[in-house]
N, C-alpha and C. Protein backbone atom coordinates (compact mmCIF):
# COMPACT_ATOMS: atom_id res chain seq x y z
N UNK A 1 57.11 83.52 42.79
CA UNK A 1 57.01 83.00 41.44
C UNK A 1 55.99 81.85 41.44
N UNK A 2 55.06 81.92 40.52
CA UNK A 2 54.02 80.88 40.44
C UNK A 2 54.44 79.76 39.51
N UNK A 3 54.04 78.55 39.89
CA UNK A 3 54.23 77.36 39.07
C UNK A 3 52.95 76.57 39.06
N UNK A 4 52.86 75.69 38.08
CA UNK A 4 51.72 74.78 37.98
C UNK A 4 52.24 73.36 38.00
N UNK A 5 51.55 72.51 38.75
CA UNK A 5 51.82 71.07 38.78
C UNK A 5 50.47 70.37 38.72
N UNK A 6 50.43 69.20 38.12
CA UNK A 6 49.19 68.44 38.03
C UNK A 6 49.44 67.10 38.70
N UNK A 7 48.60 66.79 39.70
CA UNK A 7 48.80 65.61 40.52
C UNK A 7 47.60 64.66 40.48
N UNK A 8 47.91 63.39 40.33
CA UNK A 8 46.90 62.34 40.44
C UNK A 8 47.14 61.57 41.72
N UNK A 9 46.16 61.54 42.59
CA UNK A 9 46.31 60.89 43.89
C UNK A 9 45.01 60.21 44.28
N UNK A 10 44.39 59.52 43.33
CA UNK A 10 43.09 58.93 43.59
C UNK A 10 42.00 59.87 43.11
N UNK A 11 40.88 59.85 43.79
CA UNK A 11 39.74 60.70 43.44
C UNK A 11 40.14 62.17 43.49
N UNK A 12 39.81 62.91 42.45
CA UNK A 12 40.22 64.32 42.42
C UNK A 12 39.50 65.17 43.44
N UNK A 13 38.38 64.70 43.97
CA UNK A 13 37.71 65.44 45.04
C UNK A 13 38.62 65.50 46.27
N UNK A 14 39.28 64.38 46.57
CA UNK A 14 40.20 64.31 47.71
C UNK A 14 41.40 65.21 47.48
N UNK A 15 42.00 65.08 46.32
CA UNK A 15 43.22 65.83 46.01
C UNK A 15 42.94 67.33 46.07
N UNK A 16 41.83 67.74 45.49
CA UNK A 16 41.47 69.15 45.52
C UNK A 16 41.31 69.64 46.96
N UNK A 17 40.59 68.89 47.78
CA UNK A 17 40.31 69.30 49.17
C UNK A 17 41.60 69.45 49.97
N UNK A 18 42.54 68.54 49.78
CA UNK A 18 43.80 68.60 50.51
C UNK A 18 44.62 69.82 50.10
N UNK A 19 44.79 70.04 48.82
CA UNK A 19 45.68 71.12 48.38
C UNK A 19 45.05 72.50 48.49
N UNK A 20 43.74 72.59 48.52
CA UNK A 20 43.06 73.88 48.73
C UNK A 20 43.46 74.51 50.06
N UNK A 21 43.83 73.69 51.05
CA UNK A 21 44.12 74.16 52.40
C UNK A 21 45.50 74.79 52.55
N UNK A 22 46.38 74.56 51.59
CA UNK A 22 47.78 74.93 51.77
C UNK A 22 48.08 76.38 51.44
N UNK A 23 48.90 76.99 52.28
CA UNK A 23 49.36 78.36 52.02
C UNK A 23 50.13 78.34 50.70
N UNK A 24 50.02 79.41 49.97
CA UNK A 24 50.74 79.51 48.71
C UNK A 24 50.01 78.91 47.52
N UNK A 25 48.98 78.12 47.79
CA UNK A 25 48.20 77.54 46.69
C UNK A 25 47.21 78.59 46.22
N UNK A 26 47.33 78.97 44.96
CA UNK A 26 46.48 80.02 44.39
C UNK A 26 45.19 79.46 43.81
N UNK A 27 45.28 78.26 43.23
CA UNK A 27 44.07 77.62 42.69
C UNK A 27 44.29 76.13 42.56
N UNK A 28 43.18 75.40 42.66
CA UNK A 28 43.17 73.95 42.45
C UNK A 28 41.97 73.64 41.58
N UNK A 29 42.20 72.93 40.51
CA UNK A 29 41.12 72.61 39.58
C UNK A 29 41.13 71.12 39.27
N UNK A 30 40.02 70.43 39.50
CA UNK A 30 39.96 69.02 39.12
C UNK A 30 39.90 68.88 37.60
N UNK A 31 40.52 67.83 37.10
CA UNK A 31 40.50 67.61 35.66
C UNK A 31 41.01 66.24 35.29
N UNK A 32 41.34 66.10 34.02
CA UNK A 32 41.78 64.82 33.46
C UNK A 32 43.00 65.04 32.58
N UNK A 33 43.95 64.11 32.66
CA UNK A 33 45.12 64.14 31.78
C UNK A 33 45.74 62.76 31.71
N UNK A 34 46.66 62.60 30.79
CA UNK A 34 47.42 61.36 30.69
C UNK A 34 46.86 60.33 29.75
N UNK A 35 45.71 60.63 29.14
CA UNK A 35 45.08 59.65 28.28
C UNK A 35 45.05 60.04 26.82
N UNK A 36 44.27 59.29 26.07
CA UNK A 36 44.24 59.49 24.62
C UNK A 36 42.95 60.13 24.11
N UNK A 37 41.90 60.14 24.90
CA UNK A 37 40.61 60.67 24.47
C UNK A 37 40.57 62.18 24.61
N UNK A 38 40.24 62.87 23.54
CA UNK A 38 40.12 64.33 23.59
C UNK A 38 38.81 64.72 24.28
N UNK A 39 38.87 65.76 25.09
CA UNK A 39 37.70 66.30 25.77
C UNK A 39 36.86 65.22 26.46
N UNK A 40 37.47 64.42 27.33
CA UNK A 40 36.74 63.34 27.97
C UNK A 40 35.72 63.85 28.98
N UNK A 41 34.71 63.06 29.19
CA UNK A 41 33.72 63.34 30.24
C UNK A 41 34.04 62.47 31.45
N UNK A 42 33.47 62.82 32.57
CA UNK A 42 33.65 62.03 33.79
C UNK A 42 33.20 60.59 33.56
N UNK A 43 32.08 60.44 32.88
CA UNK A 43 31.55 59.11 32.61
C UNK A 43 32.53 58.28 31.78
N UNK A 44 33.16 58.91 30.78
CA UNK A 44 34.14 58.20 29.96
C UNK A 44 35.38 57.83 30.77
N UNK A 45 35.90 58.77 31.54
CA UNK A 45 37.10 58.53 32.34
C UNK A 45 36.82 57.43 33.37
N UNK A 46 35.62 57.42 33.93
CA UNK A 46 35.25 56.43 34.94
C UNK A 46 35.28 55.00 34.44
N UNK A 47 35.21 54.80 33.14
CA UNK A 47 35.26 53.44 32.59
C UNK A 47 36.68 52.88 32.62
N UNK A 48 37.67 53.75 32.75
CA UNK A 48 39.06 53.32 32.72
C UNK A 48 39.60 53.10 31.32
N UNK A 49 38.80 53.35 30.31
CA UNK A 49 39.21 53.05 28.94
C UNK A 49 39.88 54.23 28.22
N UNK A 50 39.87 55.41 28.81
CA UNK A 50 40.43 56.59 28.13
C UNK A 50 41.92 56.76 28.38
N UNK A 51 42.44 56.12 29.42
CA UNK A 51 43.83 56.31 29.80
C UNK A 51 44.04 57.54 30.67
N UNK A 52 43.01 58.35 30.84
CA UNK A 52 43.13 59.57 31.64
C UNK A 52 43.12 59.25 33.13
N UNK A 53 43.73 60.15 33.88
CA UNK A 53 43.79 60.09 35.32
C UNK A 53 42.97 61.25 35.88
N UNK A 54 42.23 61.01 36.96
CA UNK A 54 41.59 62.11 37.68
C UNK A 54 42.71 62.86 38.39
N UNK A 55 42.82 64.16 38.13
CA UNK A 55 43.94 64.95 38.65
C UNK A 55 43.46 66.27 39.23
N UNK A 56 44.37 66.91 39.94
CA UNK A 56 44.16 68.28 40.39
C UNK A 56 45.28 69.14 39.81
N UNK A 57 44.88 70.18 39.10
CA UNK A 57 45.83 71.14 38.55
C UNK A 57 46.03 72.22 39.61
N UNK A 58 47.26 72.33 40.10
CA UNK A 58 47.56 73.20 41.23
C UNK A 58 48.49 74.32 40.79
N UNK A 59 48.05 75.55 41.02
CA UNK A 59 48.90 76.71 40.79
C UNK A 59 49.32 77.19 42.18
N UNK A 60 50.64 77.30 42.39
CA UNK A 60 51.13 77.66 43.71
C UNK A 60 52.29 78.65 43.60
N UNK A 61 52.51 79.38 44.69
CA UNK A 61 53.56 80.39 44.75
C UNK A 61 54.77 79.80 45.46
N UNK A 62 55.87 79.67 44.73
CA UNK A 62 57.09 79.08 45.28
C UNK A 62 57.67 79.89 46.44
N UNK A 63 57.30 81.15 46.55
CA UNK A 63 57.79 81.96 47.66
C UNK A 63 57.05 81.63 48.96
N UNK A 64 55.90 80.97 48.86
CA UNK A 64 55.11 80.61 50.04
C UNK A 64 55.08 79.12 50.32
N UNK A 65 55.25 78.31 49.29
CA UNK A 65 55.18 76.86 49.41
C UNK A 65 56.21 76.26 48.46
N UNK A 66 57.20 75.59 49.02
CA UNK A 66 58.24 75.02 48.16
C UNK A 66 57.70 73.78 47.45
N UNK A 67 58.34 73.42 46.37
CA UNK A 67 57.96 72.22 45.64
C UNK A 67 58.16 70.98 46.52
N UNK A 68 59.20 70.98 47.34
CA UNK A 68 59.47 69.87 48.24
C UNK A 68 58.35 69.73 49.27
N UNK A 69 57.86 70.84 49.81
CA UNK A 69 56.74 70.80 50.76
C UNK A 69 55.49 70.25 50.07
N UNK A 70 55.25 70.68 48.86
CA UNK A 70 54.11 70.19 48.09
C UNK A 70 54.23 68.68 47.90
N UNK A 71 55.42 68.18 47.59
CA UNK A 71 55.63 66.74 47.44
C UNK A 71 55.41 66.00 48.75
N UNK A 72 55.85 66.58 49.86
CA UNK A 72 55.63 65.95 51.17
C UNK A 72 54.14 65.75 51.41
N UNK A 73 53.36 66.76 51.16
CA UNK A 73 51.90 66.65 51.36
C UNK A 73 51.33 65.61 50.40
N UNK A 74 51.72 65.66 49.15
CA UNK A 74 51.24 64.71 48.15
C UNK A 74 51.48 63.28 48.59
N UNK A 75 52.69 62.96 49.02
CA UNK A 75 53.02 61.58 49.37
C UNK A 75 52.47 61.16 50.73
N UNK A 76 52.04 62.11 51.54
CA UNK A 76 51.41 61.77 52.82
C UNK A 76 49.90 61.72 52.74
N UNK A 77 49.32 62.31 51.69
CA UNK A 77 47.86 62.40 51.58
C UNK A 77 47.24 61.23 50.83
N UNK A 78 48.08 60.37 50.24
CA UNK A 78 47.53 59.21 49.54
C UNK A 78 48.53 58.06 49.61
N UNK A 79 48.10 56.87 49.21
CA UNK A 79 48.96 55.69 49.22
C UNK A 79 49.63 55.56 47.85
N UNK A 80 50.86 56.03 47.78
CA UNK A 80 51.60 56.03 46.52
C UNK A 80 52.18 54.65 46.20
N UNK A 81 51.84 53.65 47.03
CA UNK A 81 52.31 52.29 46.77
C UNK A 81 51.20 51.41 46.19
N UNK A 82 49.99 51.93 46.11
CA UNK A 82 48.87 51.14 45.57
C UNK A 82 48.79 51.34 44.06
N UNK A 83 48.84 50.25 43.33
CA UNK A 83 48.77 50.29 41.87
C UNK A 83 47.33 50.54 41.43
N UNK A 84 47.15 51.54 40.57
CA UNK A 84 45.86 51.82 39.94
C UNK A 84 44.70 51.90 40.93
N UNK A 85 44.85 52.75 41.91
CA UNK A 85 43.74 52.96 42.81
C UNK A 85 44.15 53.60 44.12
N UNK A 86 43.12 53.94 44.89
CA UNK A 86 43.26 54.44 46.25
C UNK A 86 42.11 53.86 47.04
N UNK A 87 42.43 52.98 47.99
CA UNK A 87 41.38 52.35 48.78
C UNK A 87 40.43 51.58 47.89
N UNK A 88 39.15 51.89 48.02
CA UNK A 88 38.13 51.21 47.21
C UNK A 88 37.93 51.83 45.83
N UNK A 89 38.59 52.95 45.56
CA UNK A 89 38.53 53.57 44.23
C UNK A 89 39.59 52.87 43.37
N UNK A 90 39.15 51.93 42.56
CA UNK A 90 40.06 51.10 41.79
C UNK A 90 39.93 51.41 40.30
N UNK A 91 41.06 51.48 39.63
CA UNK A 91 41.10 51.70 38.19
C UNK A 91 42.25 52.61 37.83
N UNK A 92 42.64 52.56 36.56
CA UNK A 92 43.78 53.37 36.11
C UNK A 92 43.51 54.87 36.27
N UNK A 93 42.24 55.27 36.29
CA UNK A 93 41.91 56.68 36.44
C UNK A 93 42.25 57.20 37.84
N UNK A 94 42.55 56.30 38.77
CA UNK A 94 42.90 56.69 40.14
C UNK A 94 44.38 56.49 40.46
N UNK A 95 45.19 56.25 39.45
CA UNK A 95 46.60 55.96 39.72
C UNK A 95 47.34 57.17 40.25
N UNK A 96 48.43 56.91 40.92
CA UNK A 96 49.27 57.96 41.49
C UNK A 96 50.21 58.46 40.41
N UNK A 97 50.16 59.77 40.14
CA UNK A 97 50.96 60.33 39.05
C UNK A 97 51.29 61.80 39.31
N UNK A 98 52.47 62.18 38.89
CA UNK A 98 52.91 63.57 38.91
C UNK A 98 53.12 63.98 37.46
N UNK A 99 52.36 64.97 37.02
CA UNK A 99 52.50 65.51 35.67
C UNK A 99 53.20 66.85 35.79
N UNK A 100 54.48 66.86 35.46
CA UNK A 100 55.31 68.04 35.69
C UNK A 100 55.19 69.04 34.53
N UNK A 101 55.51 70.30 34.87
CA UNK A 101 55.47 71.37 33.87
C UNK A 101 56.85 71.99 33.66
N UNK A 102 57.83 71.60 34.48
CA UNK A 102 59.20 72.09 34.31
C UNK A 102 60.17 70.92 34.52
N UNK A 103 61.33 71.05 33.95
CA UNK A 103 62.35 70.01 34.11
C UNK A 103 62.79 69.91 35.57
N UNK A 104 62.82 71.03 36.27
CA UNK A 104 63.18 71.04 37.69
C UNK A 104 62.18 70.22 38.50
N UNK A 105 60.89 70.36 38.19
CA UNK A 105 59.87 69.55 38.88
C UNK A 105 60.12 68.07 38.63
N UNK A 106 60.43 67.71 37.39
CA UNK A 106 60.67 66.30 37.07
C UNK A 106 61.83 65.76 37.89
N UNK A 107 62.92 66.51 37.91
CA UNK A 107 64.12 66.07 38.64
C UNK A 107 63.84 65.92 40.13
N UNK A 108 63.18 66.91 40.72
CA UNK A 108 62.91 66.88 42.16
C UNK A 108 61.91 65.77 42.51
N UNK A 109 60.89 65.58 41.69
CA UNK A 109 59.91 64.53 41.95
C UNK A 109 60.56 63.15 41.86
N UNK A 110 61.36 62.94 40.84
CA UNK A 110 62.02 61.64 40.68
C UNK A 110 63.00 61.39 41.82
N UNK A 111 63.73 62.42 42.22
CA UNK A 111 64.66 62.28 43.35
C UNK A 111 63.89 61.93 44.63
N UNK A 112 62.79 62.59 44.87
CA UNK A 112 61.98 62.35 46.07
C UNK A 112 61.51 60.89 46.08
N UNK A 113 61.04 60.40 44.95
CA UNK A 113 60.59 59.01 44.84
C UNK A 113 61.76 58.05 45.07
N UNK A 114 62.90 58.35 44.49
CA UNK A 114 64.09 57.50 44.67
C UNK A 114 64.47 57.39 46.14
N UNK A 115 64.43 58.52 46.86
CA UNK A 115 64.75 58.52 48.28
C UNK A 115 63.73 57.67 49.05
N UNK A 116 62.45 57.85 48.75
CA UNK A 116 61.42 57.04 49.42
C UNK A 116 61.62 55.55 49.14
N UNK A 117 61.92 55.22 47.90
CA UNK A 117 62.11 53.81 47.54
C UNK A 117 63.32 53.18 48.22
N UNK A 118 64.29 53.98 48.61
CA UNK A 118 65.47 53.45 49.32
C UNK A 118 65.21 53.29 50.81
N UNK A 119 64.13 53.87 51.28
CA UNK A 119 63.78 53.77 52.70
C UNK A 119 63.18 52.40 52.98
N UNK A 120 63.65 51.78 54.05
CA UNK A 120 63.13 50.46 54.42
C UNK A 120 61.71 50.56 54.98
N UNK A 121 61.31 51.76 55.35
CA UNK A 121 60.00 51.95 55.97
C UNK A 121 58.86 52.06 54.97
N UNK A 122 59.17 52.11 53.68
CA UNK A 122 58.14 52.33 52.68
C UNK A 122 58.15 51.21 51.64
N UNK A 123 56.94 50.74 51.31
CA UNK A 123 56.84 49.81 50.17
C UNK A 123 57.19 50.58 48.91
N UNK A 124 57.40 49.88 47.84
CA UNK A 124 57.81 50.50 46.58
C UNK A 124 56.77 51.51 46.09
N UNK A 125 57.23 52.73 45.79
CA UNK A 125 56.38 53.80 45.26
C UNK A 125 56.07 53.49 43.79
N UNK A 126 54.80 53.57 43.42
CA UNK A 126 54.39 53.31 42.03
C UNK A 126 54.02 54.58 41.28
N UNK A 127 54.15 55.72 41.93
CA UNK A 127 53.83 57.01 41.31
C UNK A 127 54.65 57.20 40.04
N UNK A 128 53.98 57.56 38.96
CA UNK A 128 54.69 57.86 37.72
C UNK A 128 54.99 59.36 37.66
N UNK A 129 56.07 59.70 36.97
CA UNK A 129 56.45 61.10 36.76
C UNK A 129 56.46 61.31 35.26
N UNK A 130 55.51 62.12 34.78
CA UNK A 130 55.30 62.28 33.34
C UNK A 130 55.16 63.75 32.98
N UNK A 131 55.55 64.12 31.76
CA UNK A 131 55.32 65.50 31.33
C UNK A 131 53.82 65.73 31.16
N UNK A 132 53.38 66.93 31.51
CA UNK A 132 51.97 67.26 31.32
C UNK A 132 51.69 67.42 29.84
N UNK A 133 50.73 66.65 29.36
CA UNK A 133 50.28 66.78 27.98
C UNK A 133 48.97 67.55 27.98
N UNK A 134 48.03 67.09 27.18
CA UNK A 134 46.71 67.74 27.13
C UNK A 134 46.02 67.58 28.48
N UNK A 135 45.51 68.68 28.97
CA UNK A 135 44.79 68.71 30.25
C UNK A 135 43.37 69.19 29.97
N UNK A 136 42.40 68.52 30.58
CA UNK A 136 40.99 68.88 30.39
C UNK A 136 40.35 69.14 31.74
N UNK A 137 39.80 70.34 31.96
CA UNK A 137 39.11 70.61 33.23
C UNK A 137 37.91 69.68 33.38
N UNK A 138 37.66 69.28 34.62
CA UNK A 138 36.49 68.46 34.90
C UNK A 138 35.23 69.32 34.82
N UNK A 139 34.12 68.65 34.75
CA UNK A 139 32.82 69.34 34.72
C UNK A 139 32.66 70.18 35.98
N UNK A 140 31.89 71.26 35.86
CA UNK A 140 31.74 72.21 36.97
C UNK A 140 31.26 71.57 38.27
N UNK A 141 30.42 70.55 38.20
CA UNK A 141 29.89 69.97 39.43
C UNK A 141 30.95 69.25 40.26
N UNK A 142 32.14 69.04 39.72
CA UNK A 142 33.23 68.43 40.49
C UNK A 142 34.05 69.46 41.25
N UNK A 143 33.95 70.71 40.87
CA UNK A 143 34.78 71.76 41.48
C UNK A 143 34.30 72.06 42.90
N UNK A 144 35.29 72.11 43.81
CA UNK A 144 35.02 72.37 45.23
C UNK A 144 33.99 71.38 45.78
N UNK A 145 34.08 70.15 45.34
CA UNK A 145 33.09 69.12 45.71
C UNK A 145 33.03 68.91 47.21
N UNK A 146 34.16 68.73 47.84
CA UNK A 146 34.17 68.48 49.28
C UNK A 146 33.58 69.66 50.04
N UNK A 147 33.97 70.84 49.66
CA UNK A 147 33.48 72.05 50.32
C UNK A 147 31.95 72.13 50.24
N UNK A 148 31.37 71.67 49.14
CA UNK A 148 29.93 71.76 48.93
C UNK A 148 29.14 70.55 49.42
N UNK A 149 29.85 69.44 49.74
CA UNK A 149 29.15 68.19 50.09
C UNK A 149 29.74 67.52 51.33
N UNK A 150 30.17 68.29 52.29
CA UNK A 150 30.88 67.73 53.46
C UNK A 150 30.09 66.67 54.21
N UNK A 151 28.78 66.70 54.15
CA UNK A 151 27.99 65.72 54.90
C UNK A 151 27.70 64.45 54.10
N UNK A 152 28.06 64.43 52.83
CA UNK A 152 27.84 63.24 52.00
C UNK A 152 28.70 62.09 52.51
N UNK A 153 28.22 60.88 52.35
CA UNK A 153 28.91 59.70 52.85
C UNK A 153 30.35 59.58 52.39
N UNK A 154 30.59 59.70 51.09
CA UNK A 154 31.95 59.57 50.55
C UNK A 154 32.86 60.64 51.15
N UNK A 155 32.34 61.84 51.28
CA UNK A 155 33.14 62.93 51.84
C UNK A 155 33.51 62.65 53.29
N UNK A 156 32.56 62.13 54.06
CA UNK A 156 32.80 61.82 55.46
C UNK A 156 33.77 60.64 55.63
N UNK A 157 33.60 59.62 54.83
CA UNK A 157 34.37 58.39 54.99
C UNK A 157 35.74 58.41 54.31
N UNK A 158 35.87 59.13 53.20
CA UNK A 158 37.10 59.08 52.42
C UNK A 158 37.87 60.41 52.44
N UNK A 159 37.18 61.50 52.16
CA UNK A 159 37.89 62.78 52.03
C UNK A 159 38.24 63.37 53.39
N UNK A 160 37.29 63.40 54.31
CA UNK A 160 37.52 64.03 55.62
C UNK A 160 38.74 63.46 56.35
N UNK A 161 38.95 62.15 56.37
CA UNK A 161 40.15 61.63 57.05
C UNK A 161 41.46 62.10 56.40
N UNK A 162 41.47 62.23 55.07
CA UNK A 162 42.68 62.72 54.39
C UNK A 162 42.93 64.19 54.75
N UNK A 163 41.87 64.97 54.73
CA UNK A 163 41.98 66.39 55.08
C UNK A 163 42.48 66.53 56.51
N UNK A 164 41.90 65.74 57.42
CA UNK A 164 42.28 65.80 58.83
C UNK A 164 43.75 65.40 59.03
N UNK A 165 44.18 64.37 58.34
CA UNK A 165 45.57 63.92 58.43
C UNK A 165 46.53 65.03 58.02
N UNK A 166 46.23 65.70 56.93
CA UNK A 166 47.09 66.79 56.45
C UNK A 166 47.03 67.97 57.42
N UNK A 167 45.86 68.28 57.95
CA UNK A 167 45.73 69.38 58.91
C UNK A 167 46.59 69.14 60.15
N UNK A 168 46.66 67.90 60.59
CA UNK A 168 47.44 67.58 61.79
C UNK A 168 48.93 67.55 61.48
N UNK A 169 49.30 66.87 60.43
CA UNK A 169 50.72 66.66 60.11
C UNK A 169 51.41 67.89 59.53
N UNK A 170 50.64 68.75 58.84
CA UNK A 170 51.24 69.89 58.15
C UNK A 170 50.63 71.21 58.60
N UNK A 171 50.45 71.39 59.91
CA UNK A 171 49.86 72.62 60.46
C UNK A 171 50.58 73.87 59.94
N UNK A 172 51.90 73.76 59.84
CA UNK A 172 52.71 74.92 59.43
C UNK A 172 52.52 75.30 57.96
N UNK A 173 51.88 74.43 57.18
CA UNK A 173 51.68 74.71 55.76
C UNK A 173 50.26 75.15 55.43
N UNK A 174 49.41 75.23 56.43
CA UNK A 174 48.00 75.57 56.18
C UNK A 174 47.79 77.07 56.03
N UNK A 175 46.79 77.42 55.23
CA UNK A 175 46.41 78.83 55.11
C UNK A 175 45.90 79.29 56.46
N UNK A 176 46.12 80.57 56.75
CA UNK A 176 45.69 81.14 58.04
C UNK A 176 44.20 81.35 58.06
């Protein structure tokens, strides 16, 4: 059974690259959601004034990848304790957010966050859990960005370490 979830975990190039690797993931599309501006452009979202978050829209098969496994990867692939940013990518457009499409997703995501927040080993999780509203696909040049620009500086310094971390920690969840 296929489901869709939309995740904000910093730069959508990173999020797309991480989730593209997972078994059961049928598609990953960078886009924008959570804001007030209709049909935003990358340039508009980058100002932080639209309220939108850079996100990855993920369609996955629950028979191959459980929602809990997807959450494990999400919370290990970015710093869910950093307010409005990831590393040097600062602004509300980079905030950590889960935009759910089913009530079950909302319940499981909130429970997962509650468990993490009770752990002494983790700083307070700032990830928001919100219903998916209007979603806007990003411009075509953002799609499969890491795959097309692996030698670019940002890809080498920011995306590659996240991809490598997931490849090592979640070997059992990777596509063959």
